[in-house]
Protein backbone atom coordinates (compact mmCIF):
# COMPACT_ATOMS: atom_id res chain seq x y z
CA MET A 1 63.29 121.07 90.46
CA HIS A 2 64.93 120.77 87.12
CA ALA A 3 63.64 118.17 84.74
CA SER A 4 66.94 116.60 84.52
CA ASN A 5 66.90 116.46 88.02
CA PHE A 6 63.46 114.83 88.19
CA LEU A 7 64.17 112.27 85.30
CA SER A 8 67.41 111.19 87.19
CA ARG A 9 65.65 110.65 90.55
CA ALA A 10 62.88 108.73 88.54
CA ARG A 11 65.35 106.49 86.73
CA LEU A 12 67.23 105.62 89.83
CA ALA A 13 63.85 104.83 91.89
CA TRP A 14 62.53 102.58 89.07
CA LEU A 15 65.91 100.78 88.61
CA SER A 16 66.12 100.14 92.38
CA LEU A 17 62.39 98.96 92.58
CA LEU A 18 62.97 96.90 89.39
CA LEU A 19 66.38 95.29 90.74
CA ALA A 20 64.59 95.23 94.14
CA LEU A 21 62.20 92.56 92.77
CA ARG A 22 64.61 90.79 90.68
CA CYS A 23 67.99 90.59 92.26
CA TRP A 24 67.19 88.64 95.48
CA SER A 25 68.63 85.12 96.22
CA PRO A 26 65.57 82.40 96.43
CA ALA A 27 67.78 79.77 97.14
CA LEU A 28 67.58 80.40 100.76
CA ALA A 29 64.24 81.89 101.11
CA SER A 30 61.98 80.81 103.59
CA SER A 31 58.15 81.33 103.67
CA PRO A 32 57.64 85.01 104.27
CA ALA A 33 60.25 85.89 101.46
CA ASP A 34 57.97 87.51 99.33
CA SER A 35 56.60 90.08 101.91
CA LEU A 36 60.19 90.97 103.33
CA ASP A 37 60.97 91.47 99.45
CA LEU A 38 58.16 93.95 99.30
CA LEU A 39 58.92 95.80 102.24
CA ILE A 40 62.81 96.40 101.49
CA ALA A 41 61.53 97.58 98.23
CA ALA A 42 59.27 99.70 100.02
CA LYS A 43 61.81 101.73 101.95
CA MET A 44 63.99 101.69 98.96
CA ARG A 45 61.36 103.89 97.39
CA GLN A 46 60.61 105.85 100.35
CA LEU A 47 64.48 106.36 101.25
CA ARG A 48 65.46 106.65 97.67
CA ILE A 49 68.27 104.12 99.02
CA PRO A 50 70.21 102.67 95.45
CA GLY A 51 71.38 99.62 96.75
CA VAL A 52 70.49 96.50 99.80
CA GLN A 53 72.26 93.51 100.87
CA LEU A 54 69.82 91.10 103.44
CA ALA A 55 70.76 88.28 105.54
CA VAL A 56 68.69 86.29 107.93
CA VAL A 57 69.71 83.83 110.45
CA ARG A 58 67.08 81.69 112.47
CA HIS A 59 67.42 78.77 114.68
CA GLY A 60 71.15 78.65 113.52
CA ARG A 61 70.72 78.59 109.99
CA LEU A 62 71.08 81.10 107.36
CA VAL A 63 67.56 81.01 105.71
CA LYS A 64 67.70 84.07 103.57
CA LEU A 65 69.74 86.21 101.40
CA GLY A 66 68.53 89.15 99.38
CA ASN A 67 70.12 91.42 96.94
CA TYR A 68 68.27 94.40 95.78
CA GLY A 69 69.05 97.44 93.35
CA VAL A 70 72.26 98.94 92.54
CA ALA A 71 75.57 98.57 93.94
CA ASN A 72 77.34 101.41 91.38
CA VAL A 73 74.33 104.07 90.41
CA GLN A 74 77.04 105.30 87.31
CA ASP A 75 77.40 101.90 85.93
CA SER A 76 74.06 100.41 86.79
CA VAL A 77 75.66 97.40 88.47
CA PRO A 78 73.50 95.33 90.71
CA VAL A 79 74.06 94.37 93.80
CA THR A 80 75.08 90.71 94.01
CA THR A 81 75.66 88.26 96.91
CA GLN A 82 79.44 89.19 96.35
CA THR A 83 78.93 92.70 96.80
CA ARG A 84 81.02 94.55 99.30
CA PHE A 85 79.84 97.20 101.83
CA PHE A 86 81.72 99.37 104.16
CA LEU A 87 80.48 98.35 107.77
CA ASN A 88 81.74 101.84 109.02
CA SER A 89 81.40 101.40 113.47
CA ILE A 90 80.01 97.94 113.25
CA THR A 91 83.52 97.17 112.84
CA LYS A 92 83.52 98.08 116.66
CA ALA A 93 81.59 94.67 117.21
CA PHE A 94 84.67 92.92 116.05
CA VAL A 95 87.06 94.98 118.43
CA GLY A 96 84.51 94.02 121.21
CA VAL A 97 84.81 90.28 120.32
CA ALA A 98 88.81 90.68 119.84
CA ALA A 99 88.75 92.58 123.53
CA MET A 100 87.00 89.23 124.91
CA GLN A 101 89.35 86.77 123.28
CA LEU A 102 92.46 88.66 124.96
CA VAL A 103 90.22 88.23 128.31
CA GLU A 104 90.06 84.58 127.53
CA ALA A 105 93.50 84.46 127.01
CA GLY A 106 94.38 85.94 129.98
CA GLN A 107 96.07 88.84 128.35
CA LEU A 108 93.35 91.75 129.09
CA ASP A 109 91.39 92.64 132.43
CA LEU A 110 87.99 94.81 131.52
CA ALA A 111 88.35 96.63 134.96
CA ALA A 112 92.17 97.58 134.44
CA PRO A 113 93.19 101.11 134.14
CA VAL A 114 94.42 101.58 130.12
CA GLY A 115 97.29 102.97 131.68
CA ARG A 116 98.56 99.36 133.02
CA TYR A 117 98.74 98.33 129.44
CA LEU A 118 99.97 101.79 127.62
CA PRO A 119 101.91 103.83 130.03
CA GLU A 120 103.00 106.05 127.30
CA LEU A 121 99.45 107.88 127.10
CA PRO A 122 98.93 110.87 129.05
CA ALA A 123 98.72 111.02 133.01
CA THR A 124 95.43 112.00 133.16
CA TRP A 125 94.04 109.35 130.67
CA HIS A 126 95.97 106.27 132.77
CA PRO A 127 92.79 105.90 135.22
CA VAL A 128 90.33 105.06 132.41
CA THR A 129 89.70 101.57 132.35
CA ILE A 130 89.46 99.23 129.28
CA ARG A 131 85.80 98.74 129.87
CA GLN A 132 85.01 102.38 129.59
CA LEU A 133 86.90 102.47 126.30
CA LEU A 134 84.48 99.87 125.25
CA THR A 135 81.53 101.37 126.31
CA HIS A 136 81.99 105.02 125.06
CA THR A 137 81.94 106.01 129.13
CA SER A 138 85.81 107.57 129.27
CA GLY A 139 85.63 110.93 128.88
CA LEU A 140 88.87 111.32 126.79
CA PRO A 141 88.67 114.15 123.97
CA ASP A 142 87.41 112.87 120.73
CA ILE A 143 90.10 112.49 118.20
CA GLU A 144 87.40 113.58 115.28
CA PRO A 145 85.45 116.43 117.26
CA GLU A 146 82.22 117.95 115.69
CA ASP A 147 82.60 115.79 112.02
CA VAL A 148 86.38 116.60 111.83
CA LEU A 149 87.69 114.13 109.32
CA VAL A 150 91.13 112.81 109.90
CA THR A 151 93.16 111.18 106.92
CA GLU A 152 96.39 109.85 106.56
CA ASN A 153 98.05 112.79 106.01
CA ASP A 154 96.82 114.58 109.41
CA GLU A 155 96.52 111.50 111.77
CA GLN A 156 99.78 111.79 113.41
CA ALA A 157 99.06 115.75 113.84
CA ALA A 158 95.73 114.94 115.08
CA TRP A 159 97.04 112.34 117.80
CA ALA A 160 99.47 114.65 118.97
CA GLN A 161 96.82 117.25 119.70
CA VAL A 162 94.29 115.34 121.04
CA GLN A 163 96.67 114.10 123.60
CA THR A 164 97.13 117.97 124.88
CA GLN A 165 93.29 117.98 125.34
CA PRO A 166 91.72 117.78 128.87
CA LEU A 167 88.88 115.32 129.75
CA ASP A 168 85.72 116.16 128.66
CA PHE A 169 84.19 114.61 131.77
CA PRO A 170 85.33 112.48 134.83
CA ALA A 171 85.70 108.90 133.31
CA GLY A 172 82.29 107.07 134.00
CA GLN A 173 79.78 109.92 134.68
CA GLN A 174 78.52 110.19 130.78
CA PHE A 175 78.14 108.24 127.64
CA ALA A 176 79.99 110.28 124.60
CA TYR A 177 80.65 108.43 121.50
CA ASN A 178 84.41 108.72 120.66
CA GLN A 179 86.76 107.39 118.01
CA THR A 180 89.68 108.27 120.91
CA ASN A 181 88.29 105.00 122.59
CA TYR A 182 88.87 102.41 119.70
CA LEU A 183 92.13 104.04 118.49
CA LEU A 184 93.27 103.23 121.83
CA LEU A 185 91.57 99.62 121.55
CA GLY A 186 93.20 99.34 118.42
CA ARG A 187 96.65 99.97 119.82
CA LEU A 188 95.96 97.60 122.89
CA ILE A 189 95.28 94.62 120.47
CA ASP A 190 98.41 95.40 118.74
CA LYS A 191 100.58 95.79 121.91
CA LEU A 192 99.07 92.70 123.48
CA SER A 193 98.75 90.13 120.73
CA GLY A 194 102.22 91.08 119.24
CA GLN A 195 100.60 91.40 115.81
CA PRO A 196 99.00 94.42 113.88
CA PHE A 197 95.18 94.95 114.70
CA ALA A 198 94.03 93.70 110.90
CA GLN A 199 96.18 90.64 111.18
CA PHE A 200 94.93 89.69 114.67
CA ILE A 201 91.40 90.17 113.41
CA ARG A 202 91.95 88.05 110.03
CA GLN A 203 93.62 85.52 112.00
CA ARG A 204 91.29 85.21 115.20
CA GLN A 205 88.07 86.08 113.40
CA LEU A 206 87.65 86.17 109.51
CA ASP A 207 89.89 82.87 108.84
CA VAL A 208 88.07 81.01 111.90
CA VAL A 209 84.72 81.61 110.08
CA GLY A 210 85.61 81.95 106.44
CA MET A 211 85.25 85.46 105.27
CA PRO A 212 87.45 85.69 102.54
CA ARG A 213 85.53 88.94 101.15
CA THR A 214 85.50 90.91 104.58
CA SER A 215 88.80 93.13 104.43
CA ILE A 216 90.05 96.40 106.68
CA GLY A 217 90.80 98.95 104.76
CA ASP A 218 88.99 102.58 103.50
CA ALA A 219 88.10 103.99 99.95
CA HIS A 220 91.50 104.12 98.84
CA ASP A 221 91.38 100.22 98.35
CA VAL A 222 90.65 98.93 94.90
CA LEU A 223 88.05 96.62 96.21
CA PRO A 224 86.40 93.86 93.92
CA HIS A 225 82.80 93.88 94.02
CA GLY A 226 82.71 96.99 96.02
CA ALA A 227 79.61 98.96 96.46
CA ARG A 228 79.93 102.50 95.98
CA GLY A 229 78.76 105.02 98.62
CA TYR A 230 75.98 107.47 98.34
CA THR A 231 74.21 110.50 99.97
CA TYR A 232 71.90 113.01 99.70
CA THR A 233 73.52 115.29 102.34
CA GLN A 234 75.16 118.66 101.23
CA TYR A 235 77.15 120.74 103.60
CA ILE A 236 76.23 124.56 102.66
CA ASP A 237 78.17 126.98 104.98
CA GLY A 238 79.60 124.43 107.05
CA ARG A 239 75.95 122.84 108.10
CA PRO A 240 74.56 119.57 106.62
CA ARG A 241 71.36 120.09 104.53
CA ARG A 242 69.25 116.90 102.84
CA SER A 243 69.08 117.59 98.94
CA ALA A 244 67.34 116.14 96.29
CA GLN A 245 70.54 115.10 94.53
CA LEU A 246 72.56 111.51 95.04
CA GLN A 247 75.88 112.40 95.30
CA ASN A 248 79.05 110.30 95.41
CA LEU A 249 80.35 109.80 99.40
CA PHE A 250 84.16 108.52 99.66
CA GLU A 251 84.96 107.10 102.93
CA VAL A 252 88.59 107.51 104.53
CA PHE A 253 90.05 105.68 107.57
CA PRO A 254 93.50 106.05 108.55
CA PRO A 255 95.18 103.07 109.80
CA SER A 256 95.18 104.09 113.41
CA LEU A 257 90.91 104.77 113.16
CA ARG A 258 90.44 101.65 111.33
CA PRO A 259 89.52 99.60 114.52
CA ALA A 260 86.93 101.92 115.05
CA ALA A 261 85.41 102.07 111.46
CA GLY A 262 87.55 100.31 108.92
CA MET A 263 85.80 96.88 107.67
CA SER A 264 83.98 95.87 104.47
CA SER A 265 82.08 92.80 104.10
CA THR A 266 78.95 91.19 102.65
CA ALA A 267 75.71 90.31 104.40
CA GLU A 268 76.33 86.68 104.07
CA GLU A 269 79.39 86.83 105.85
CA LEU A 270 78.48 89.01 108.50
CA ALA A 271 75.62 86.16 109.33
CA ARG A 272 78.26 83.37 109.00
CA TRP A 273 80.33 85.58 111.93
CA LEU A 274 76.91 85.57 114.16
CA MET A 275 76.23 82.32 113.98
CA ALA A 276 80.11 81.53 114.75
CA LEU A 277 80.08 84.06 117.53
CA GLN A 278 76.62 82.23 118.91
CA GLN A 279 77.72 78.67 118.53
CA GLY A 280 81.17 78.95 120.44
CA GLN A 281 83.68 79.33 117.37
CA LEU A 282 85.07 82.44 118.70
CA LEU A 283 84.44 82.92 122.13
CA GLN A 284 83.35 80.53 125.16
CA PRO A 285 79.49 81.05 125.45
CA ALA A 286 79.91 82.12 128.54
CA SER A 287 81.61 85.45 127.60
CA LEU A 288 78.79 86.25 125.56
CA PRO A 289 76.82 87.98 128.60
CA THR A 290 79.83 90.23 129.40
CA LEU A 291 80.22 91.20 125.65
CA TRP A 292 76.36 92.20 125.36
CA THR A 293 75.94 93.65 128.57
CA PRO A 294 75.82 97.75 128.44
CA GLY A 295 78.24 99.48 130.39
CA ARG A 296 76.92 101.54 133.43
CA LEU A 297 77.64 104.81 134.68
CA SER A 298 78.70 105.88 138.13
CA ASP A 299 75.07 106.62 139.17
CA GLY A 300 74.09 103.37 137.72
CA SER A 301 72.23 104.31 134.73
CA GLN A 302 73.13 103.34 130.82
CA ARG A 303 73.47 105.48 127.97
CA SER A 304 73.53 105.28 124.26
CA PHE A 305 72.57 106.97 120.99
CA GLY A 306 68.80 107.22 122.05
CA GLY A 307 65.72 106.18 120.32
CA LYS A 308 65.63 102.28 120.41
CA LEU A 309 69.37 102.30 121.07
CA THR A 310 69.28 102.34 124.69
CA GLY A 311 72.63 100.64 125.71
CA TYR A 312 76.23 100.41 124.53
CA ALA A 313 78.11 97.25 125.72
CA LEU A 314 81.67 95.99 124.32
CA GLY A 315 81.08 97.49 121.03
CA TRP A 316 77.46 96.56 120.76
CA PRO A 317 74.82 98.88 120.97
CA THR A 318 72.14 97.51 122.80
CA VAL A 319 68.19 97.89 122.58
CA ASP A 320 67.03 96.98 125.90
CA ARG A 321 63.35 96.14 126.26
CA PRO A 322 60.55 94.03 127.94
CA GLU A 323 60.19 92.34 124.66
CA HIS A 324 62.60 91.28 122.01
CA ARG A 325 65.43 92.68 123.36
CA ALA A 326 68.33 93.27 120.83
CA LEU A 327 72.05 93.78 120.39
CA ALA A 328 72.44 96.08 117.29
CA PRO A 329 75.76 97.32 115.88
CA VAL A 330 75.19 100.00 113.22
CA GLY A 331 77.50 101.70 111.19
CA GLY A 332 77.54 105.18 109.19
CA GLY A 333 73.84 105.51 109.28
CA ARG A 334 73.77 103.03 106.38
CA SER A 335 73.95 99.34 107.69
CA ALA A 336 72.88 97.92 111.01
CA VAL A 337 73.14 94.09 112.62
CA PHE A 338 70.13 93.18 114.81
CA LEU A 339 70.61 90.00 116.72
CA TYR A 340 67.58 88.95 119.17
CA PRO A 341 68.97 86.30 121.52
CA ASP A 342 65.98 85.37 123.11
CA ASP A 343 64.23 84.58 119.85
CA ASP A 344 66.98 82.88 117.78
CA LEU A 345 67.06 85.61 115.22
CA ALA A 346 69.59 87.57 113.54
CA LEU A 347 69.11 90.24 110.65
CA VAL A 348 72.13 92.04 108.70
CA VAL A 349 71.21 94.86 106.35
CA LEU A 350 73.59 96.72 104.66
CA THR A 351 73.11 99.48 102.28
CA ASN A 352 75.17 102.28 100.30
CA LEU A 353 73.48 105.40 100.93
CA GLN A 354 74.22 107.50 104.13
CA GLY A 355 71.28 108.32 105.95
CA ALA A 356 69.27 105.17 105.30
CA ASN A 357 69.30 104.00 108.78
CA PRO A 358 68.08 100.61 108.44
CA GLU A 359 67.93 100.18 112.31
CA ARG A 360 64.70 101.97 112.34
CA PHE A 361 62.97 99.20 109.98
CA ALA A 362 64.84 96.28 111.35
CA ASP A 363 62.06 95.08 113.86
CA ALA A 364 59.49 95.78 111.06
CA LEU A 365 61.68 93.06 109.19
CA ALA A 366 61.83 90.85 112.38
CA ALA A 367 58.31 90.80 112.74
CA TYR A 368 58.10 88.41 109.35
CA TYR A 369 59.42 86.00 111.49
CA LEU A 370 58.25 86.98 115.42
CA PRO A 371 54.36 88.27 114.44
CA ASP A 372 54.15 90.18 117.74
CA MET A 373 56.76 92.38 116.57
CA ARG A 374 54.17 93.85 114.22
CA VAL A 375 54.87 97.74 114.19
CA ALA A 376 51.42 97.99 112.93
CA ASP A 377 50.29 96.49 116.26
CA GLY A 378 52.51 99.09 118.28
CA PHE A 379 55.55 97.15 119.07
CA GLY A 380 58.10 99.07 120.46
CA LEU A 381 55.51 101.34 122.28
CA PRO A 382 55.61 101.92 126.26
CA PRO A 383 52.53 99.56 127.10
CA THR A 384 50.00 102.53 127.58
CA LEU A 385 50.61 103.86 123.89
CA ARG A 386 50.50 100.43 122.75
CA ALA A 387 47.04 99.73 124.04
CA LEU A 388 45.76 103.10 122.76
CA HIS A 389 47.31 102.61 119.42
CA ARG A 390 45.19 99.02 119.05
CA THR A 391 42.09 100.90 120.08
CA LEU A 392 42.46 103.77 117.68
CA ARG A 393 43.61 101.15 114.96
CA LYS A 394 39.93 99.94 115.41
CA ARG A 395 37.77 102.97 116.22
CA GLY A 396 40.17 105.55 113.84
CA PHE A 397 42.80 108.18 115.28
CA THR A 398 40.11 110.68 114.92
CA HIS A 399 38.99 109.46 118.35
CA LEU A 400 42.20 109.64 119.89
CA ALA A 401 41.55 112.99 122.60
CA GLU A 402 38.00 111.25 122.98
CA GLU A 403 39.96 108.03 124.42
CA VAL A 404 42.61 109.77 126.49
CA GLN A 405 39.77 111.74 128.31
CA GLN A 406 38.04 108.58 128.84
CA ALA A 407 41.06 106.72 130.26
CA ARG A 408 41.59 109.94 132.57
CA ARG A 409 38.19 109.80 134.06
CA ARG A 410 38.67 105.94 134.77
CA ASP A 411 42.42 106.78 136.19
CA PRO A 412 43.27 110.63 137.24
CA ALA A 413 46.79 109.48 137.52
CA TYR A 414 46.63 108.39 134.07
CA ALA A 415 49.80 110.21 132.21
CA LEU A 416 51.07 110.00 128.44
CA PRO A 417 55.07 111.43 128.79
CA GLU A 418 55.54 113.92 125.69
CA ALA A 419 58.74 112.06 124.22
CA ALA A 420 56.58 108.74 123.97
CA VAL A 421 53.89 110.30 122.56
CA ASN A 422 56.33 112.13 119.93
CA ALA A 423 57.95 109.03 119.34
CA TRP A 424 54.72 107.11 118.82
CA GLY A 425 53.86 110.03 116.27
CA TYR A 426 57.07 109.48 113.92
CA LEU A 427 56.13 105.67 114.07
CA LEU A 428 53.22 106.60 112.41
CA VAL A 429 55.05 109.04 110.06
CA GLU A 430 57.50 106.08 108.88
CA GLN A 431 54.46 103.76 108.37
CA GLY A 432 53.21 106.66 106.07
CA GLN A 433 50.06 107.39 107.94
CA LEU A 434 50.71 110.78 107.99
CA PRO A 435 46.77 111.69 109.04
CA ASP A 436 47.16 109.61 112.16
CA ALA A 437 50.78 111.03 113.08
CA LEU A 438 48.71 114.25 113.10
CA GLU A 439 46.33 113.64 115.41
CA VAL A 440 48.84 112.16 117.85
CA PHE A 441 51.28 115.40 117.27
CA LYS A 442 47.81 117.71 117.79
CA LEU A 443 47.48 115.81 121.15
CA ASN A 444 51.03 116.18 121.99
CA VAL A 445 50.64 120.12 121.59
CA HIS A 446 47.49 120.09 124.03
CA LEU A 447 49.08 117.95 126.24
CA TYR A 448 52.46 119.83 126.74
CA PRO A 449 51.57 123.40 124.99
CA ALA A 450 54.78 124.98 126.63
CA SER A 451 56.94 122.43 124.69
CA ALA A 452 58.64 123.86 121.03
CA ASN A 453 59.12 120.22 120.30
CA THR A 454 55.67 119.43 120.04
CA TYR A 455 54.90 122.51 117.92
CA ASP A 456 57.65 121.42 115.66
CA SER A 457 56.65 117.78 114.93
CA LEU A 458 52.85 119.20 114.45
CA ALA A 459 54.44 121.96 111.81
CA GLU A 460 56.61 119.43 110.37
CA THR A 461 53.49 117.16 109.49
CA TYR A 462 51.45 119.93 108.28
CA ALA A 463 54.08 120.76 106.03
CA ALA A 464 54.45 117.05 105.01
CA LEU A 465 50.59 117.08 104.46
CA GLY A 466 51.23 119.93 101.89
CA ASN A 467 49.05 122.69 104.41
CA GLN A 468 51.61 125.57 104.17
CA LYS A 469 49.19 127.62 106.46
CA LEU A 470 49.22 125.59 109.27
CA ALA A 471 52.84 124.54 108.81
CA THR A 472 53.73 128.01 109.09
CA GLN A 473 51.72 129.02 111.85
CA TYR A 474 53.22 126.15 114.27
CA TYR A 475 56.65 126.63 113.07
CA ALA A 476 56.16 130.43 114.10
CA ARG A 477 54.91 129.19 117.30
CA THR A 478 58.17 126.64 117.57
CA LEU A 479 60.30 129.66 116.87
CA GLN A 480 58.72 131.83 119.78
CA LEU A 481 59.02 128.80 122.25
CA ASN A 482 62.57 128.13 121.00
CA PRO A 483 64.55 131.03 118.83
CA GLN A 484 67.25 128.50 118.36
CA SER A 485 65.08 126.01 116.28
CA ARG A 486 66.89 126.12 112.94
CA THR A 487 64.19 124.01 111.08
CA ALA A 488 61.49 126.47 112.14
CA ALA A 489 63.59 129.20 111.01
CA ALA A 490 64.58 127.79 107.83
CA TYR A 491 60.74 127.09 106.96
CA LEU A 492 59.80 130.61 107.67
CA LYS A 493 62.35 131.85 105.76
CA GLN A 494 60.94 130.20 102.88
């Protein structure tokens, strides 16, 4: 690593940490404020996030605002309560609310085919229902396939081209995240409301709540107090690669795609929007269950992005689990809203780093208000693994294989699914407990010796611990089982 790169990274890390501890808003802080600030600061150091904005709503009140780090690295401009962040796909949650407002007005039927409202669409698109558009189960071809970026210069050509493509699958058979769906929903809102999408959102939601700093546009707009976007991802030969060098991120959302990803806001204004939504200012309370019910496929199952995001409702990804279910709009790999309806708690975490993925640590923030959600206690793990996790925290993870053997002797049907064990290991990795994660990944290799994924996780952890010899050994085994593994091939090529 060049010395100049190291110094710039060190300067950014120290500046972010200092501002993280100094630039939060104490006026609304509740009792766990200091702990939350330290957790945010730790995540900023770990993920190298320049700037973060946080808002917490508890029992219908805004109880905390936090502003951390820098909104603009080049000029060392700190994040403040006025700083605006791009919301990216969190915009879709506003579209879901707008759709339900039209339903309440008797103008829209979620079960109706889109061809009823937009007859100019290709005939093969007509049977797709409004609900299938909202839940990404339409099967329509994507106007932005495989990371193709549509701009104002080519949006008309892209729209003409996508209409010539066949359906990706029959409507309702699969989940496929798709920007065409929300382009059509924007057109639908234009037509049924009689006003442009942006004006409808402003009049029916933003002005009702009082959100003057929330707007619709893209990086071309001169946005007062706007945070700059950043990324550590570089594209080499058309493929994304993680880099040590922070780069500017320029986000473009042409008008037709702004219903999918075109809004900017602050954590405080989003928090007030959530409160207004739950308090009946935007929708009737009876409409919220419909808004937040995940879409179902033809076979009755539900799908989403994976991980903790298990379903997709009307613009709102969902976290469906026995304890502390959540609604979780996320955007751009940089920002997240987590609303826990059964717990009367909501969090807004906005960052200016693509790849920060705050949905991964949102539950850890919520645990300061809901103590039984502590990730260290195994929250989010299946019951069997959570019990094992708690035992090993007392005994030590070196006793993992022994505990599993004893459990199998007590119950011959005792089973640990590969995917669940792998997720457990990465939960430990996120907490910085690499030696414990190593024991979990070693167990998974023992349980599933024919799986390339188990060896890949084990090799990755050995590499993180600096054991090049064993990392090489297990990446080689990964490549034997899966010759298409890019990660293994790249490591062995080094």
